[in-house]
Structures are given as C-alpha cells and as structure tokens.
Amino acid sequence: MTLTIPAETRQFSARSKHKLVKLAVAIPAPVVSDTPHLREKTSKIGLIGRAAAIFRVDEIVVYVDNPKVNQRADVDLIATLLEYMETPQYLRKRLFKIEPTEVAVRGDIAAAADAASPAEQQS
C-alpha cells in the first residue's frame, strides 16, 4: 500500500518549516547621540546588531523621535553600521568605501600647520 500526499499538502508542510512570524525591532535615532566619540557609537550599535542576530530579528527600524532636531546623521550612521555588519566579509571592501571625512580634516590641519611653519615664511 502506497500513500501519496497531494501537492498542496507537500507545499504547506514545506512552508510550515519556515518562520511564519517576522520579528521587528524599533530603535530611536538618538540612541547614539549621547555618546561623543565615533568608536563608542560603533560599539553601541555593534552590541545592538549582535543582540538582534542572536534573537534572529528580521528587521530593524530606526526612527526619529524628535522631529524638531536634525537626527539624519545618527540615522545614517546606524543604518550604515548595521548594513556593514550584515554584509559578508568578502564583500565589505567592495561595498563600503572609506569615507575621507577624518582624513580630510587631518589633512587640512597638516596643511595649515605647514603654511604657518617658520621655514616657509623665511623662504
């Protein structure tokens, strides 16, 4: 005696193995605004990302809690760091380029120091 299972039942049983409920977490943008340094902000977002991975969170929503304050930089930082964490290591160099903001600031300081140096003023 052979038991045949209809196609609809097989598809349903295959789908039942997958998670039917999606877990989403909402994070306020100023979660990093109280932290002054980029390294500490990165660490805090890293902990949030790791916790989300441990608990198998499907979606993280970053929201602005105070529309009167411009929190765009915090939202962009959180989104970029979480996307970086989600990206496989072998693709990170290609997808995420180094932003030259700190390098440009240091370069401007060095250029200003060179311009004010006494060696160049004497020539």
PDB file of N, CA and C in Angstrom:
ATOM      1  N   MET A   1       0.846  -1.175   0.000  1.00  0.00           N
ATOM      2  CA  MET A   1       0.000   0.000   0.000  1.00  0.00           C
ATOM      3  C   MET A   1       0.890   1.235   0.000  1.00  0.00           C
ATOM      4  N   THR A   2       0.635   2.143  -0.922  1.00  0.00           N
ATOM      5  CA  THR A   2       1.420   3.357  -1.059  1.00  0.00           C
ATOM      6  C   THR A   2       0.562   4.559  -0.690  1.00  0.00           C
ATOM      7  N   LEU A   3       1.153   5.430   0.089  1.00  0.00           N
ATOM      8  CA  LEU A   3       0.445   6.631   0.500  1.00  0.00           C
ATOM      9  C   LEU A   3       0.982   7.801  -0.313  1.00  0.00           C
ATOM     10  N   THR A   4       0.115   8.448  -1.045  1.00  0.00           N
ATOM     11  CA  THR A   4       0.522   9.624  -1.816  1.00  0.00           C
ATOM     12  C   THR A   4      -0.047  10.875  -1.153  1.00  0.00           C
ATOM     13  N   ILE A   5       0.792  11.882  -1.097  1.00  0.00           N
ATOM     14  CA  ILE A   5       0.381  13.144  -0.473  1.00  0.00           C
ATOM     15  C   ILE A   5       0.129  14.144  -1.586  1.00  0.00           C
ATOM     16  N   PRO A   6      -1.027  14.803  -1.582  1.00  0.00           N
ATOM     17  CA  PRO A   6      -1.308  15.800  -2.610  1.00  0.00           C
ATOM     18  C   PRO A   6      -0.263  16.919  -2.602  1.00  0.00           C
ATOM     19  N   ALA A   7      -0.084  17.561  -3.751  1.00  0.00           N
ATOM     20  CA  ALA A   7       0.922  18.610  -3.904  1.00  0.00           C
ATOM     21  C   ALA A   7       0.674  19.781  -2.952  1.00  0.00           C
ATOM     22  N   GLU A   8      -0.598  20.134  -2.753  1.00  0.00           N
ATOM     23  CA  GLU A   8      -0.911  21.253  -1.863  1.00  0.00           C
ATOM     24  C   GLU A   8      -0.428  20.974  -0.435  1.00  0.00           C
ATOM     25  N   THR A   9      -0.577  19.744   0.008  1.00  0.00           N
ATOM     26  CA  THR A   9      -0.164  19.377   1.356  1.00  0.00           C
ATOM     27  C   THR A   9       1.349  19.413   1.473  1.00  0.00           C
ATOM     28  N   ARG A  10       2.045  18.961   0.451  1.00  0.00           N
ATOM     29  CA  ARG A  10       3.506  18.986   0.480  1.00  0.00           C
ATOM     30  C   ARG A  10       4.016  20.424   0.536  1.00  0.00           C
ATOM     31  N   GLN A  11       3.430  21.294  -0.226  1.00  0.00           N
ATOM     32  CA  GLN A  11       3.860  22.694  -0.195  1.00  0.00           C
ATOM     33  C   GLN A  11       3.587  23.310   1.171  1.00  0.00           C
ATOM     34  N   PHE A  12       2.452  22.992   1.751  1.00  0.00           N
ATOM     35  CA  PHE A  12       2.120  23.552   3.061  1.00  0.00           C
ATOM     36  C   PHE A  12       3.090  23.044   4.114  1.00  0.00           C
ATOM     37  N   SER A  13       3.421  21.768   4.058  1.00  0.00           N
ATOM     38  CA  SER A  13       4.344  21.225   5.057  1.00  0.00           C
ATOM     39  C   SER A  13       5.736  21.824   4.881  1.00  0.00           C
ATOM     40  N   ALA A  14       6.146  22.133   3.659  1.00  0.00           N
ATOM     41  CA  ALA A  14       7.450  22.764   3.445  1.00  0.00           C
ATOM     42  C   ALA A  14       7.441  24.193   3.981  1.00  0.00           C
ATOM     43  N   ARG A  15       6.339  24.877   3.820  1.00  0.00           N
ATOM     44  CA  ARG A  15       6.249  26.252   4.313  1.00  0.00           C
ATOM     45  C   ARG A  15       6.172  26.297   5.832  1.00  0.00           C
ATOM     46  N   SER A  16       5.612  25.287   6.439  1.00  0.00           N
ATOM     47  CA  SER A  16       5.468  25.304   7.889  1.00  0.00           C
ATOM     48  C   SER A  16       6.821  25.199   8.598  1.00  0.00           C
ATOM     49  N   LYS A  17       7.840  24.750   7.876  1.00  0.00           N
ATOM     50  CA  LYS A  17       9.170  24.691   8.466  1.00  0.00           C
ATOM     51  C   LYS A  17       9.775  26.083   8.616  1.00  0.00           C
ATOM     52  N   HIS A  18       9.374  27.017   7.780  1.00  0.00           N
ATOM     53  CA  HIS A  18       9.893  28.376   7.834  1.00  0.00           C
ATOM     54  C   HIS A  18       9.173  29.176   8.899  1.00  0.00           C
ATOM     55  N   LYS A  19       9.821  30.210   9.333  1.00  0.00           N
ATOM     56  CA  LYS A  19       9.231  31.065  10.348  1.00  0.00           C
ATOM     57  C   LYS A  19       8.084  31.865   9.735  1.00  0.00           C
ATOM     58  N   LEU A  20       6.917  31.800  10.348  1.00  0.00           N
ATOM     59  CA  LEU A  20       5.750  32.497   9.829  1.00  0.00           C
ATOM     60  C   LEU A  20       5.624  33.911  10.372  1.00  0.00           C
ATOM     61  N   VAL A  21       6.210  34.170  11.515  1.00  0.00           N
ATOM     62  CA  VAL A  21       6.116  35.476  12.144  1.00  0.00           C
ATOM     63  C   VAL A  21       7.454  36.184  12.002  1.00  0.00           C
ATOM     64  N   LYS A  22       7.416  37.441  11.558  1.00  0.00           N
ATOM     65  CA  LYS A  22       8.639  38.227  11.453  1.00  0.00           C
ATOM     66  C   LYS A  22       8.803  39.062  12.706  1.00  0.00           C
ATOM     67  N   LEU A  23      10.008  39.105  13.194  1.00  0.00           N
ATOM     68  CA  LEU A  23      10.317  39.876  14.386  1.00  0.00           C
ATOM     69  C   LEU A  23      11.001  41.171  13.961  1.00  0.00           C
ATOM     70  N   ALA A  24      10.436  42.293  14.361  1.00  0.00           N
ATOM     71  CA  ALA A  24      10.998  43.605  14.041  1.00  0.00           C
ATOM     72  C   ALA A  24      11.297  44.350  15.337  1.00  0.00           C
ATOM     73  N   VAL A  25      12.373  45.115  15.308  1.00  0.00           N
ATOM     74  CA  VAL A  25      12.775  45.914  16.457  1.00  0.00           C
ATOM     75  C   VAL A  25      12.881  47.361  16.007  1.00  0.00           C
ATOM     76  N   ALA A  26      12.373  48.287  16.814  1.00  0.00           N
ATOM     77  CA  ALA A  26      12.467  49.712  16.519  1.00  0.00           C
ATOM     78  C   ALA A  26      13.491  50.352  17.443  1.00  0.00           C
ATOM     79  N   ILE A  27      14.399  51.109  16.858  1.00  0.00           N
ATOM     80  CA  ILE A  27      15.457  51.770  17.620  1.00  0.00           C
ATOM     81  C   ILE A  27      15.332  53.272  17.392  1.00  0.00           C
ATOM     82  N   PRO A  28      15.329  54.067  18.459  1.00  0.00           N
ATOM     83  CA  PRO A  28      15.303  55.522  18.259  1.00  0.00           C
ATOM     84  C   PRO A  28      16.665  56.014  17.768  1.00  0.00           C
ATOM     85  N   ALA A  29      16.658  57.012  16.911  1.00  0.00           N
ATOM     86  CA  ALA A  29      17.900  57.541  16.349  1.00  0.00           C
ATOM     87  C   ALA A  29      18.833  58.121  17.404  1.00  0.00           C
ATOM     88  N   PRO A  30      18.315  58.782  18.443  1.00  0.00           N
ATOM     89  CA  PRO A  30      19.254  59.359  19.412  1.00  0.00           C
ATOM     90  C   PRO A  30      19.856  58.347  20.383  1.00  0.00           C
ATOM     91  N   VAL A  31      19.770  57.066  20.080  1.00  0.00           N
ATOM     92  CA  VAL A  31      20.387  56.061  20.945  1.00  0.00           C
ATOM     93  C   VAL A  31      21.908  56.260  20.975  1.00  0.00           C
ATOM     94  N   VAL A  32      22.458  56.889  19.940  1.00  0.00           N
ATOM     95  CA  VAL A  32      23.890  57.161  19.899  1.00  0.00           C
ATOM     96  C   VAL A  32      24.221  58.639  20.067  1.00  0.00           C
ATOM     97  N   SER A  33      23.243  59.494  20.184  1.00  0.00           N
ATOM     98  CA  SER A  33      23.509  60.932  20.256  1.00  0.00           C
ATOM     99  C   SER A  33      24.147  61.345  21.579  1.00  0.00           C
ATOM    100  N   ASP A  34      23.951  60.551  22.622  1.00  0.00           N
ATOM    101  CA  ASP A  34      24.557  60.891  23.909  1.00  0.00           C
ATOM    102  C   ASP A  34      26.019  60.463  23.999  1.00  0.00           C
ATOM    103  N   THR A  35      26.494  59.697  23.016  1.00  0.00           N
ATOM    104  CA  THR A  35      27.867  59.218  23.003  1.00  0.00           C
ATOM    105  C   THR A  35      28.709  60.173  22.156  1.00  0.00           C
ATOM    106  N   PRO A  36      29.793  60.717  22.711  1.00  0.00           N
ATOM    107  CA  PRO A  36      30.525  61.741  21.975  1.00  0.00           C
ATOM    108  C   PRO A  36      31.451  61.217  20.878  1.00  0.00           C
ATOM    109  N   HIS A  37      32.021  60.028  21.038  1.00  0.00           N
ATOM    110  CA  HIS A  37      33.040  59.555  20.107  1.00  0.00           C
ATOM    111  C   HIS A  37      32.497  58.472  19.178  1.00  0.00           C
ATOM    112  N   LEU A  38      33.019  58.484  17.955  1.00  0.00           N
ATOM    113  CA  LEU A  38      32.577  57.533  16.932  1.00  0.00           C
ATOM    114  C   LEU A  38      32.866  56.090  17.354  1.00  0.00           C
ATOM    115  N   ARG A  39      33.968  55.849  18.022  1.00  0.00           N
ATOM    116  CA  ARG A  39      34.310  54.490  18.455  1.00  0.00           C
ATOM    117  C   ARG A  39      33.261  53.950  19.431  1.00  0.00           C
ATOM    118  N   GLU A  40      32.823  54.784  20.361  1.00  0.00           N
ATOM    119  CA  GLU A  40      31.805  54.362  21.328  1.00  0.00           C
ATOM    120  C   GLU A  40      30.452  54.164  20.652  1.00  0.00           C
ATOM    121  N   LYS A  41      30.128  55.017  19.685  1.00  0.00           N
ATOM    122  CA  LYS A  41      28.878  54.856  18.934  1.00  0.00           C
ATOM    123  C   LYS A  41      28.894  53.540  18.165  1.00  0.00           C
ATOM    124  N   THR A  42      30.025  53.240  17.538  1.00  0.00           N
ATOM    125  CA  THR A  42      30.164  51.998  16.785  1.00  0.00           C
ATOM    126  C   THR A  42      30.018  50.788  17.700  1.00  0.00           C
ATOM    127  N   SER A  43      30.604  50.864  18.873  1.00  0.00           N
ATOM    128  CA  SER A  43      30.496  49.761  19.828  1.00  0.00           C
ATOM    129  C   SER A  43      29.049  49.546  20.275  1.00  0.00           C
ATOM    130  N   LYS A  44      28.353  50.644  20.527  1.00  0.00           N
ATOM    131  CA  LYS A  44      26.959  50.542  20.982  1.00  0.00           C
ATOM    132  C   LYS A  44      26.068  49.933  19.885  1.00  0.00           C
ATOM    133  N   ILE A  45      26.254  50.379  18.654  1.00  0.00           N
ATOM    134  CA  ILE A  45      25.467  49.822  17.537  1.00  0.00           C
ATOM    135  C   ILE A  45      25.863  48.370  17.293  1.00  0.00           C
ATOM    136  N   GLY A  46      27.138  48.048  17.493  1.00  0.00           N
ATOM    137  CA  GLY A  46      27.576  46.659  17.352  1.00  0.00           C
ATOM    138  C   GLY A  46      26.897  45.738  18.348  1.00  0.00           C
ATOM    139  N   LEU A  47      26.744  46.200  19.573  1.00  0.00           N
ATOM    140  CA  LEU A  47      26.041  45.392  20.575  1.00  0.00           C
ATOM    141  C   LEU A  47      24.576  45.193  20.198  1.00  0.00           C
ATOM    142  N   ILE A  48      23.954  46.248  19.687  1.00  0.00           N
ATOM    143  CA  ILE A  48      22.554  46.134  19.252  1.00  0.00           C
ATOM    144  C   ILE A  48      22.454  45.142  18.094  1.00  0.00           C
ATOM    145  N   GLY A  49      23.380  45.232  17.133  1.00  0.00           N
ATOM    146  CA  GLY A  49      23.369  44.323  15.989  1.00  0.00           C
ATOM    147  C   GLY A  49      23.593  42.874  16.388  1.00  0.00           C
ATOM    148  N   ARG A  50      24.517  42.653  17.315  1.00  0.00           N
ATOM    149  CA  ARG A  50      24.774  41.281  17.777  1.00  0.00           C
ATOM    150  C   ARG A  50      23.574  40.704  18.507  1.00  0.00           C
ATOM    151  N   ALA A  51      22.951  41.529  19.355  1.00  0.00           N
ATOM    152  CA  ALA A  51      21.751  41.057  20.062  1.00  0.00           C
ATOM    153  C   ALA A  51      20.638  40.732  19.077  1.00  0.00           C
ATOM    154  N   ALA A  52      20.504  41.553  18.044  1.00  0.00           N
ATOM    155  CA  ALA A  52      19.480  41.288  17.025  1.00  0.00           C
ATOM    156  C   ALA A  52      19.774  39.989  16.283  1.00  0.00           C
ATOM    157  N   ALA A  53      21.033  39.715  16.028  1.00  0.00           N
ATOM    158  CA  ALA A  53      21.388  38.463  15.349  1.00  0.00           C
ATOM    159  C   ALA A  53      21.141  37.261  16.252  1.00  0.00           C
ATOM    160  N   ILE A  54      21.441  37.398  17.533  1.00  0.00           N
ATOM    161  CA  ILE A  54      21.226  36.287  18.465  1.00  0.00           C
ATOM    162  C   ILE A  54      19.745  35.935  18.557  1.00  0.00           C
ATOM    163  N   PHE A  55      18.900  36.948  18.612  1.00  0.00           N
ATOM    164  CA  PHE A  55      17.465  36.711  18.742  1.00  0.00           C
ATOM    165  C   PHE A  55      16.755  36.611  17.392  1.00  0.00           C
ATOM    166  N   ARG A  56      17.525  36.534  16.320  1.00  0.00           N
ATOM    167  CA  ARG A  56      17.019  36.335  14.958  1.00  0.00           C
ATOM    168  C   ARG A  56      15.975  37.370  14.559  1.00  0.00           C
ATOM    169  N   VAL A  57      16.326  38.618  14.759  1.00  0.00           N
ATOM    170  CA  VAL A  57      15.455  39.730  14.372  1.00  0.00           C
ATOM    171  C   VAL A  57      15.491  39.846  12.853  1.00  0.00           C
ATOM    172  N   ASP A  58      14.324  39.965  12.241  1.00  0.00           N
ATOM    173  CA  ASP A  58      14.236  40.055  10.790  1.00  0.00           C
ATOM    174  C   ASP A  58      14.431  41.475  10.278  1.00  0.00           C
ATOM    175  N   GLU A  59      14.017  42.452  11.059  1.00  0.00           N
ATOM    176  CA  GLU A  59      14.041  43.831  10.588  1.00  0.00           C
ATOM    177  C   GLU A  59      14.322  44.765  11.755  1.00  0.00           C
ATOM    178  N   ILE A  60      15.195  45.745  11.506  1.00  0.00           N
ATOM    179  CA  ILE A  60      15.460  46.789  12.491  1.00  0.00           C
ATOM    180  C   ILE A  60      15.032  48.108  11.883  1.00  0.00           C
ATOM    181  N   VAL A  61      14.151  48.802  12.570  1.00  0.00           N
ATOM    182  CA  VAL A  61      13.642  50.086  12.102  1.00  0.00           C
ATOM    183  C   VAL A  61      14.254  51.182  12.961  1.00  0.00           C
ATOM    184  N   VAL A  62      14.898  52.149  12.328  1.00  0.00           N
ATOM    185  CA  VAL A  62      15.463  53.295  13.036  1.00  0.00           C
ATOM    186  C   VAL A  62      14.513  54.463  12.824  1.00  0.00           C
ATOM    187  N   TYR A  63      14.023  55.031  13.913  1.00  0.00           N
ATOM    188  CA  TYR A  63      13.054  56.115  13.789  1.00  0.00           C
ATOM    189  C   TYR A  63      13.543  57.369  14.502  1.00  0.00           C
ATOM    190  N   VAL A  64      13.074  58.503  14.023  1.00  0.00           N
ATOM    191  CA  VAL A  64      13.390  59.797  14.610  1.00  0.00           C
ATOM    192  C   VAL A  64      12.323  60.099  15.647  1.00  0.00           C
ATOM    193  N   ASP A  65      12.748  60.295  16.890  1.00  0.00           N
ATOM    194  CA  ASP A  65      11.761  60.510  17.947  1.00  0.00           C
ATOM    195  C   ASP A  65      11.457  61.988  18.181  1.00  0.00           C
ATOM    196  N   ASN A  66      12.328  62.883  17.730  1.00  0.00           N
ATOM    197  CA  ASN A  66      12.095  64.305  17.896  1.00  0.00           C
ATOM    198  C   ASN A  66      12.256  64.987  16.534  1.00  0.00           C
ATOM    199  N   PRO A  67      11.158  65.282  15.854  1.00  0.00           N
ATOM    200  CA  PRO A  67      11.262  65.854  14.507  1.00  0.00           C
ATOM    201  C   PRO A  67      11.836  67.275  14.482  1.00  0.00           C
ATOM    202  N   LYS A  68      11.903  67.937  15.634  1.00  0.00           N
ATOM    203  CA  LYS A  68      12.440  69.297  15.669  1.00  0.00           C
ATOM    204  C   LYS A  68      13.964  69.310  15.580  1.00  0.00           C
ATOM    205  N   VAL A  69      14.590  68.188  15.933  1.00  0.00           N
ATOM    206  CA  VAL A  69      16.042  68.091  15.920  1.00  0.00           C
ATOM    207  C   VAL A  69      16.469  67.288  14.693  1.00  0.00           C
ATOM    208  N   ASN A  70      17.500  67.762  14.001  1.00  0.00           N
ATOM    209  CA  ASN A  70      18.005  67.057  12.828  1.00  0.00           C
ATOM    210  C   ASN A  70      18.828  65.854  13.300  1.00  0.00           C
ATOM    211  N   GLN A  71      18.302  64.659  13.107  1.00  0.00           N
ATOM    212  CA  GLN A  71      18.958  63.433  13.537  1.00  0.00           C
ATOM    213  C   GLN A  71      19.373  62.585  12.346  1.00  0.00           C
ATOM    214  N   ARG A  72      19.475  63.201  11.181  1.00  0.00           N
ATOM    215  CA  ARG A  72      19.788  62.469   9.961  1.00  0.00           C
ATOM    216  C   ARG A  72      21.156  61.791  10.040  1.00  0.00           C
ATOM    217  N   ALA A  73      22.131  62.471  10.645  1.00  0.00           N
ATOM    218  CA  ALA A  73      23.473  61.892  10.738  1.00  0.00           C
ATOM    219  C   ALA A  73      23.460  60.625  11.598  1.00  0.00           C
ATOM    220  N   ASP A  74      22.703  60.650  12.694  1.00  0.00           N
ATOM    221  CA  ASP A  74      22.611  59.465  13.550  1.00  0.00           C
ATOM    222  C   ASP A  74      21.913  58.316  12.837  1.00  0.00           C
ATOM    223  N   VAL A  75      20.847  58.626  12.115  1.00  0.00           N
ATOM    224  CA  VAL A  75      20.119  57.589  11.365  1.00  0.00           C
ATOM    225  C   VAL A  75      21.028  56.969  10.312  1.00  0.00           C
ATOM    226  N   ASP A  76      21.771  57.807   9.587  1.00  0.00           N
ATOM    227  CA  ASP A  76      22.677  57.297   8.554  1.00  0.00           C
ATOM    228  C   ASP A  76      23.790  56.442   9.158  1.00  0.00           C
ATOM    229  N   LEU A  77      24.331  56.876  10.289  1.00  0.00           N
ATOM    230  CA  LEU A  77      25.389  56.106  10.941  1.00  0.00           C
ATOM    231  C   LEU A  77      24.881  54.740  11.390  1.00  0.00           C
ATOM    232  N   ILE A  78      23.726  54.708  12.022  1.00  0.00           N
ATOM    233  CA  ILE A  78      23.165  53.439  12.492  1.00  0.00           C
ATOM    234  C   ILE A  78      22.885  52.510  11.311  1.00  0.00           C
ATOM    235  N   ALA A  79      22.279  53.051  10.262  1.00  0.00           N
ATOM    236  CA  ALA A  79      21.962  52.228   9.090  1.00  0.00           C
ATOM    237  C   ALA A  79      23.227  51.693   8.424  1.00  0.00           C
ATOM    238  N   THR A  80      24.240  52.538   8.292  1.00  0.00           N
ATOM    239  CA  THR A  80      25.489  52.108   7.655  1.00  0.00           C
ATOM    240  C   THR A  80      26.178  51.018   8.463  1.00  0.00           C
ATOM    241  N   LEU A  81      26.240  51.193   9.773  1.00  0.00           N
ATOM    242  CA  LEU A  81      26.907  50.191  10.606  1.00  0.00           C
ATOM    243  C   LEU A  81      26.158  48.856  10.611  1.00  0.00           C
ATOM    244  N   LEU A  82      24.839  48.918  10.661  1.00  0.00           N
ATOM    245  CA  LEU A  82      24.069  47.667  10.639  1.00  0.00           C
ATOM    246  C   LEU A  82      24.164  46.980   9.277  1.00  0.00           C
ATOM    247  N   GLU A  83      24.184  47.751   8.194  1.00  0.00           N
ATOM    248  CA  GLU A  83      24.364  47.161   6.865  1.00  0.00           C
ATOM    249  C   GLU A  83      25.752  46.538   6.742  1.00  0.00           C
ATOM    250  N   TYR A  84      26.746  47.198   7.321  1.00  0.00           N
ATOM    251  CA  TYR A  84      28.110  46.660   7.305  1.00  0.00           C
ATOM    252  C   TYR A  84      28.176  45.326   8.041  1.00  0.00           C
ATOM    253  N   MET A  85      27.509  45.262   9.186  1.00  0.00           N
ATOM    254  CA  MET A  85      27.507  44.015   9.960  1.00  0.00           C
ATOM    255  C   MET A  85      26.796  42.894   9.212  1.00  0.00           C
ATOM    256  N   GLU A  86      25.794  43.245   8.446  1.00  0.00           N
ATOM    257  CA  GLU A  86      25.006  42.248   7.721  1.00  0.00           C
ATOM    258  C   GLU A  86      25.738  41.732   6.480  1.00  0.00           C
ATOM    259  N   THR A  87      26.654  42.513   5.946  1.00  0.00           N
ATOM    260  CA  THR A  87      27.360  42.174   4.713  1.00  0.00           C
ATOM    261  C   THR A  87      28.417  41.100   4.974  1.00  0.00           C
ATOM    262  N   PRO A  88      28.516  40.103   4.106  1.00  0.00           N
ATOM    263  CA  PRO A  88      29.578  39.090   4.262  1.00  0.00           C
ATOM    264  C   PRO A  88      30.958  39.748   4.178  1.00  0.00           C
ATOM    265  N   GLN A  89      31.922  39.174   4.884  1.00  0.00           N
ATOM    266  CA  GLN A  89      33.251  39.783   4.984  1.00  0.00           C
ATOM    267  C   GLN A  89      33.934  39.950   3.640  1.00  0.00           C
ATOM    268  N   TYR A  90      33.751  39.001   2.740  1.00  0.00           N
ATOM    269  CA  TYR A  90      34.451  39.078   1.466  1.00  0.00           C
ATOM    270  C   TYR A  90      33.904  40.180   0.553  1.00  0.00           C
ATOM    271  N   LEU A  91      32.741  40.742   0.879  1.00  0.00           N
ATOM    272  CA  LEU A  91      32.174  41.825   0.073  1.00  0.00           C
ATOM    273  C   LEU A  91      32.344  43.208   0.707  1.00  0.00           C
ATOM    274  N   ARG A  92      32.792  43.271   1.926  1.00  0.00           N
ATOM    275  CA  ARG A  92      32.832  44.546   2.645  1.00  0.00           C
ATOM    276  C   ARG A  92      33.741  45.575   1.989  1.00  0.00           C
ATOM    277  N   LYS A  93      34.913  45.159   1.514  1.00  0.00           N
ATOM    278  CA  LYS A  93      35.831  46.113   0.890  1.00  0.00           C
ATOM    279  C   LYS A  93      35.248  46.716  -0.381  1.00  0.00           C
ATOM    280  N   ARG A  94      34.508  45.920  -1.099  1.00  0.00           N
ATOM    281  CA  ARG A  94      33.947  46.405  -2.362  1.00  0.00           C
ATOM    282  C   ARG A  94      32.709  47.265  -2.167  1.00  0.00           C
ATOM    283  N   LEU A  95      31.918  46.955  -1.162  1.00  0.00           N
ATOM    284  CA  LEU A  95      30.662  47.667  -0.973  1.00  0.00           C
ATOM    285  C   LEU A  95      30.785  48.909  -0.094  1.00  0.00           C
ATOM    286  N   PHE A  96      31.740  48.906   0.820  1.00  0.00           N
ATOM    287  CA  PHE A  96      31.884  50.022   1.749  1.00  0.00           C
ATOM    288  C   PHE A  96      33.248  50.661   1.559  1.00  0.00           C
ATOM    289  N   LYS A  97      33.253  51.851   1.004  1.00  0.00           N
ATOM    290  CA  LYS A  97      34.494  52.591   0.805  1.00  0.00           C
ATOM    291  C   LYS A  97      34.772  53.438   2.042  1.00  0.00           C
ATOM    292  N   ILE A  98      36.040  53.721   2.286  1.00  0.00           N
ATOM    293  CA  ILE A  98      36.419  54.560   3.418  1.00  0.00           C
ATOM    294  C   ILE A  98      35.994  55.989   3.114  1.00  0.00           C
ATOM    295  N   GLU A  99      35.287  56.582   4.058  1.00  0.00           N
ATOM    296  CA  GLU A  99      34.846  57.970   3.879  1.00  0.00           C
ATOM    297  C   GLU A  99      35.969  58.888   4.334  1.00  0.00           C
ATOM    298  N   PRO A 100      36.365  59.820   3.497  1.00  0.00           N
ATOM    299  CA  PRO A 100      37.546  60.630   3.797  1.00  0.00           C
ATOM    300  C   PRO A 100      37.285  61.832   4.707  1.00  0.00           C
ATOM    301  N   THR A 101      36.264  61.816   5.524  1.00  0.00           N
ATOM    302  CA  THR A 101      35.962  62.983   6.355  1.00  0.00           C
ATOM    303  C   THR A 101      37.057  63.233   7.369  1.00  0.00           C
ATOM    304  N   GLU A 102      37.471  62.209   8.101  1.00  0.00           N
ATOM    305  CA  GLU A 102      38.520  62.407   9.096  1.00  0.00           C
ATOM    306  C   GLU A 102      39.867  62.641   8.429  1.00  0.00           C
ATOM    307  N   VAL A 103      40.122  61.971   7.320  1.00  0.00           N
ATOM    308  CA  VAL A 103      41.382  62.156   6.616  1.00  0.00           C
ATOM    309  C   VAL A 103      41.472  63.583   6.089  1.00  0.00           C
ATOM    310  N   ALA A 104      40.358  64.111   5.568  1.00  0.00           N
ATOM    311  CA  ALA A 104      40.350  65.478   5.048  1.00  0.00           C
ATOM    312  C   ALA A 104      40.575  66.484   6.167  1.00  0.00           C
ATOM    313  N   VAL A 105      39.967  66.252   7.309  1.00  0.00           N
ATOM    314  CA  VAL A 105      40.153  67.167   8.436  1.00  0.00           C
ATOM    315  C   VAL A 105      41.603  67.151   8.884  1.00  0.00           C
ATOM    316  N   ARG A 106      42.194  65.967   9.012  1.00  0.00           N
ATOM    317  CA  ARG A 106      43.594  65.876   9.415  1.00  0.00           C
ATOM    318  C   ARG A 106      44.498  66.510   8.358  1.00  0.00           C
ATOM    319  N   GLY A 107      44.157  66.330   7.091  1.00  0.00           N
ATOM    320  CA  GLY A 107      44.942  66.931   6.019  1.00  0.00           C
ATOM    321  C   GLY A 107      44.887  68.445   6.056  1.00  0.00           C
ATOM    322  N   ASP A 108      43.721  69.004   6.350  1.00  0.00           N
ATOM    323  CA  ASP A 108      43.591  70.454   6.453  1.00  0.00           C
ATOM    324  C   ASP A 108      44.400  70.996   7.616  1.00  0.00           C
ATOM    325  N   ILE A 109      44.403  70.266   8.728  1.00  0.00           N
ATOM    326  CA  ILE A 109      45.183  70.696   9.893  1.00  0.00           C
ATOM    327  C   ILE A 109      46.668  70.652   9.557  1.00  0.00           C
ATOM    328  N   ALA A 110      47.102  69.586   8.878  1.00  0.00           N
ATOM    329  CA  ALA A 110      48.510  69.485   8.498  1.00  0.00           C
ATOM    330  C   ALA A 110      48.878  70.581   7.500  1.00  0.00           C
ATOM    331  N   ALA A 111      47.999  70.876   6.555  1.00  0.00           N
ATOM    332  CA  ALA A 111      48.260  71.927   5.574  1.00  0.00           C
ATOM    333  C   ALA A 111      48.340  73.294   6.253  1.00  0.00           C
ATOM    334  N   ALA A 112      47.476  73.531   7.216  1.00  0.00           N
ATOM    335  CA  ALA A 112      47.515  74.799   7.942  1.00  0.00           C
ATOM    336  C   ALA A 112      48.786  74.916   8.764  1.00  0.00           C
ATOM    337  N   ALA A 113      49.222  73.800   9.347  1.00  0.00           N
ATOM    338  CA  ALA A 113      50.459  73.823  10.120  1.00  0.00           C
ATOM    339  C   ALA A 113      51.662  74.074   9.217  1.00  0.00           C
ATOM    340  N   ASP A 114      51.651  73.490   8.030  1.00  0.00           N
ATOM    341  CA  ASP A 114      52.748  73.714   7.086  1.00  0.00           C
ATOM    342  C   ASP A 114      52.767  75.161   6.608  1.00  0.00           C
ATOM    343  N   ALA A 115      51.604  75.727   6.388  1.00  0.00           N
ATOM    344  CA  ALA A 115      51.522  77.109   5.917  1.00  0.00           C
ATOM    345  C   ALA A 115      52.021  78.083   6.980  1.00  0.00           C
ATOM    346  N   ALA A 116      51.842  77.734   8.223  1.00  0.00           N
ATOM    347  CA  ALA A 116      52.257  78.623   9.303  1.00  0.00           C
ATOM    348  C   ALA A 116      53.657  78.330   9.804  1.00  0.00           C
ATOM    349  N   SER A 117      54.336  77.366   9.221  1.00  0.00           N
ATOM    350  CA  SER A 117      55.668  76.998   9.721  1.00  0.00           C
ATOM    351  C   SER A 117      56.684  78.101   9.385  1.00  0.00           C
ATOM    352  N   PRO A 118      57.608  78.352  10.263  1.00  0.00           N
ATOM    353  CA  PRO A 118      58.573  79.418  10.047  1.00  0.00           C
ATOM    354  C   PRO A 118      59.522  79.139   8.888  1.00  0.00           C
ATOM    355  N   ALA A 119      59.788  77.887   8.546  1.00  0.00           N
ATOM    356  CA  ALA A 119      60.700  77.562   7.458  1.00  0.00           C
ATOM    357  C   ALA A 119      60.186  78.105   6.131  1.00  0.00           C
ATOM    358  N   GLU A 120      58.901  78.001   5.901  1.00  0.00           N
ATOM    359  CA  GLU A 120      58.331  78.506   4.644  1.00  0.00           C
ATOM    360  C   GLU A 120      58.221  80.008   4.643  1.00  0.00           C
ATOM    361  N   GLN A 121      58.056  80.627   5.804  1.00  0.00           N
ATOM    362  CA  GLN A 121      57.923  82.084   5.873  1.00  0.00           C
ATOM    363  C   GLN A 121      59.261  82.751   5.575  1.00  0.00           C
ATOM    364  N   GLN A 122      60.390  82.089   5.900  1.00  0.00           N
ATOM    365  CA  GLN A 122      61.710  82.663   5.669  1.00  0.00           C
ATOM    366  C   GLN A 122      62.106  82.588   4.214  1.00  0.00           C
ATOM    367  N   SER A 123      61.582  81.637   3.418  1.00  0.00           N
ATOM    368  CA  SER A 123      61.986  81.498   2.024  1.00  0.00           C
ATOM    369  C   SER A 123      61.375  82.518   1.133  1.00  0.00           C
TER     370      SER A 123
END
